[in-house]
Amino acid sequence: MEDILTDNLADALGGPLSEALANPVGGSNAIAFLVIASFGAGMALIYVPLRLFLTITARSRRLKLLQRIRRLREELTQPLET
């Protein structure tokens, strides 16, 4: 019983893919789609973490700069000690 199910599953999954790869006209469209989709997924996996990292570091630099400006303004408002 299990052999029949695995054979049917293998035929169901392998049938359309093997037909697409065997047919040079239709298969090229499927292969082109798979290549473009894999490039898109790869770019998303690289771009999203990189963009998050750059955004977080830019915000932290901006926050440190604002804190330094506030500290310098506070020091300027205080009278000089003689």
C-alpha atoms as a PDB file:
ATOM      1  CA  MET A   1       0.000   0.000   0.000  1.00  0.00           C
ATOM      2  CA  GLU A   2       2.803   2.429   0.906  1.00  0.00           C
ATOM      3  CA  ASP A   3       4.641   1.625  -2.328  1.00  0.00           C
ATOM      4  CA  ILE A   4       1.573   2.544  -4.353  1.00  0.00           C
ATOM      5  CA  LEU A   5       1.229   5.855  -2.492  1.00  0.00           C
ATOM      6  CA  THR A   6       4.896   6.754  -2.906  1.00  0.00           C
ATOM      7  CA  ASP A   7       4.789   5.777  -6.592  1.00  0.00           C
ATOM      8  CA  ASN A   8       1.680   7.882  -7.145  1.00  0.00           C
ATOM      9  CA  LEU A   9       3.226  10.793  -5.262  1.00  0.00           C
ATOM     10  CA  ALA A  10       6.459  10.545  -7.251  1.00  0.00           C
ATOM     11  CA  ASP A  11       4.492  10.407 -10.501  1.00  0.00           C
ATOM     12  CA  ALA A  12       2.344  13.379  -9.457  1.00  0.00           C
ATOM     13  CA  LEU A  13       5.341  15.505  -8.498  1.00  0.00           C
ATOM     14  CA  GLY A  14       7.754  14.364 -11.189  1.00  0.00           C
ATOM     15  CA  GLY A  15       5.302  14.315 -14.087  1.00  0.00           C
ATOM     16  CA  PRO A  16       4.806  18.026 -14.772  1.00  0.00           C
ATOM     17  CA  LEU A  17       8.411  18.906 -13.997  1.00  0.00           C
ATOM     18  CA  SER A  18       9.855  16.179 -16.169  1.00  0.00           C
ATOM     19  CA  GLU A  19       7.442  17.105 -18.972  1.00  0.00           C
ATOM     20  CA  ALA A  20       8.445  20.747 -18.713  1.00  0.00           C
ATOM     21  CA  LEU A  21      12.117  19.882 -18.776  1.00  0.00           C
ATOM     22  CA  ALA A  22      11.659  17.423 -21.660  1.00  0.00           C
ATOM     23  CA  ASN A  23       9.734  19.913 -23.821  1.00  0.00           C
ATOM     24  CA  PRO A  24      12.303  22.450 -25.070  1.00  0.00           C
ATOM     25  CA  VAL A  25       9.782  25.216 -25.753  1.00  0.00           C
ATOM     26  CA  GLY A  26       7.683  24.952 -22.619  1.00  0.00           C
ATOM     27  CA  GLY A  27      10.573  23.823 -20.450  1.00  0.00           C
ATOM     28  CA  SER A  28      12.616  26.914 -21.177  1.00  0.00           C
ATOM     29  CA  ASN A  29       9.819  29.073 -19.823  1.00  0.00           C
ATOM     30  CA  ALA A  30       9.702  27.015 -16.647  1.00  0.00           C
ATOM     31  CA  ILE A  31      13.477  27.075 -16.264  1.00  0.00           C
ATOM     32  CA  ALA A  32      13.584  30.839 -16.899  1.00  0.00           C
ATOM     33  CA  PHE A  33      10.910  31.334 -14.266  1.00  0.00           C
ATOM     34  CA  LEU A  34      12.782  29.171 -11.770  1.00  0.00           C
ATOM     35  CA  VAL A  35      16.057  31.014 -12.411  1.00  0.00           C
ATOM     36  CA  ILE A  36      14.460  34.452 -12.060  1.00  0.00           C
ATOM     37  CA  ALA A  37      12.507  33.386  -8.979  1.00  0.00           C
ATOM     38  CA  SER A  38      15.652  31.984  -7.334  1.00  0.00           C
ATOM     39  CA  PHE A  39      17.576  35.196  -8.096  1.00  0.00           C
ATOM     40  CA  GLY A  40      14.736  37.209  -6.589  1.00  0.00           C
ATOM     41  CA  ALA A  41      14.651  35.074  -3.474  1.00  0.00           C
ATOM     42  CA  GLY A  42      18.428  35.277  -3.136  1.00  0.00           C
ATOM     43  CA  MET A  43      18.408  39.048  -3.515  1.00  0.00           C
ATOM     44  CA  ALA A  44      15.650  39.328  -0.912  1.00  0.00           C
ATOM     45  CA  LEU A  45      17.602  37.157   1.508  1.00  0.00           C
ATOM     46  CA  ILE A  46      20.633  39.414   1.111  1.00  0.00           C
ATOM     47  CA  TYR A  47      18.950  42.825   0.724  1.00  0.00           C
ATOM     48  CA  VAL A  48      16.519  42.706   3.646  1.00  0.00           C
ATOM     49  CA  PRO A  49      19.062  41.930   6.414  1.00  0.00           C
ATOM     50  CA  LEU A  50      21.568  44.363   4.897  1.00  0.00           C
ATOM     51  CA  ARG A  51      18.955  47.131   4.711  1.00  0.00           C
ATOM     52  CA  LEU A  52      17.897  46.482   8.322  1.00  0.00           C
ATOM     53  CA  PHE A  53      21.520  46.579   9.499  1.00  0.00           C
ATOM     54  CA  LEU A  54      22.250  49.830   7.679  1.00  0.00           C
ATOM     55  CA  THR A  55      19.054  51.433   8.966  1.00  0.00           C
ATOM     56  CA  ILE A  56      19.737  50.431  12.563  1.00  0.00           C
ATOM     57  CA  THR A  57      23.341  51.628  12.475  1.00  0.00           C
ATOM     58  CA  ALA A  58      22.348  54.930  10.840  1.00  0.00           C
ATOM     59  CA  ARG A  59      19.737  55.530  13.526  1.00  0.00           C
ATOM     60  CA  SER A  60      22.184  54.758  16.306  1.00  0.00           C
ATOM     61  CA  ARG A  61      24.758  57.152  14.795  1.00  0.00           C
ATOM     62  CA  ARG A  62      22.095  59.835  14.466  1.00  0.00           C
ATOM     63  CA  LEU A  63      21.005  59.310  18.076  1.00  0.00           C
ATOM     64  CA  LYS A  64      24.593  59.558  19.343  1.00  0.00           C
ATOM     65  CA  LEU A  65      25.104  62.745  17.354  1.00  0.00           C
ATOM     66  CA  LEU A  66      21.903  64.292  18.740  1.00  0.00           C
ATOM     67  CA  GLN A  67      22.921  63.378  22.285  1.00  0.00           C
ATOM     68  CA  ARG A  68      26.335  64.972  21.760  1.00  0.00           C
ATOM     69  CA  ILE A  69      24.713  68.146  20.400  1.00  0.00           C
ATOM     70  CA  ARG A  70      22.386  68.346  23.420  1.00  0.00           C
ATOM     71  CA  ARG A  71      25.284  67.833  25.813  1.00  0.00           C
ATOM     72  CA  LEU A  72      27.301  70.588  24.105  1.00  0.00           C
ATOM     73  CA  ARG A  73      24.317  72.972  24.217  1.00  0.00           C
ATOM     74  CA  GLU A  74      23.899  72.315  27.929  1.00  0.00           C
ATOM     75  CA  GLU A  75      27.580  72.994  28.500  1.00  0.00           C
ATOM     76  CA  LEU A  76      27.333  76.254  26.570  1.00  0.00           C
ATOM     77  CA  THR A  77      24.371  77.501  28.633  1.00  0.00           C
ATOM     78  CA  GLN A  78      26.239  76.991  31.907  1.00  0.00           C
ATOM     79  CA  PRO A  79      28.379  79.891  33.088  1.00  0.00           C
ATOM     80  CA  LEU A  80      32.155  79.540  32.885  1.00  0.00           C
ATOM     81  CA  GLU A  81      33.984  78.717  36.083  1.00  0.00           C
ATOM     82  CA  THR A  82      36.808  81.129  36.898  1.00  0.00           C
END
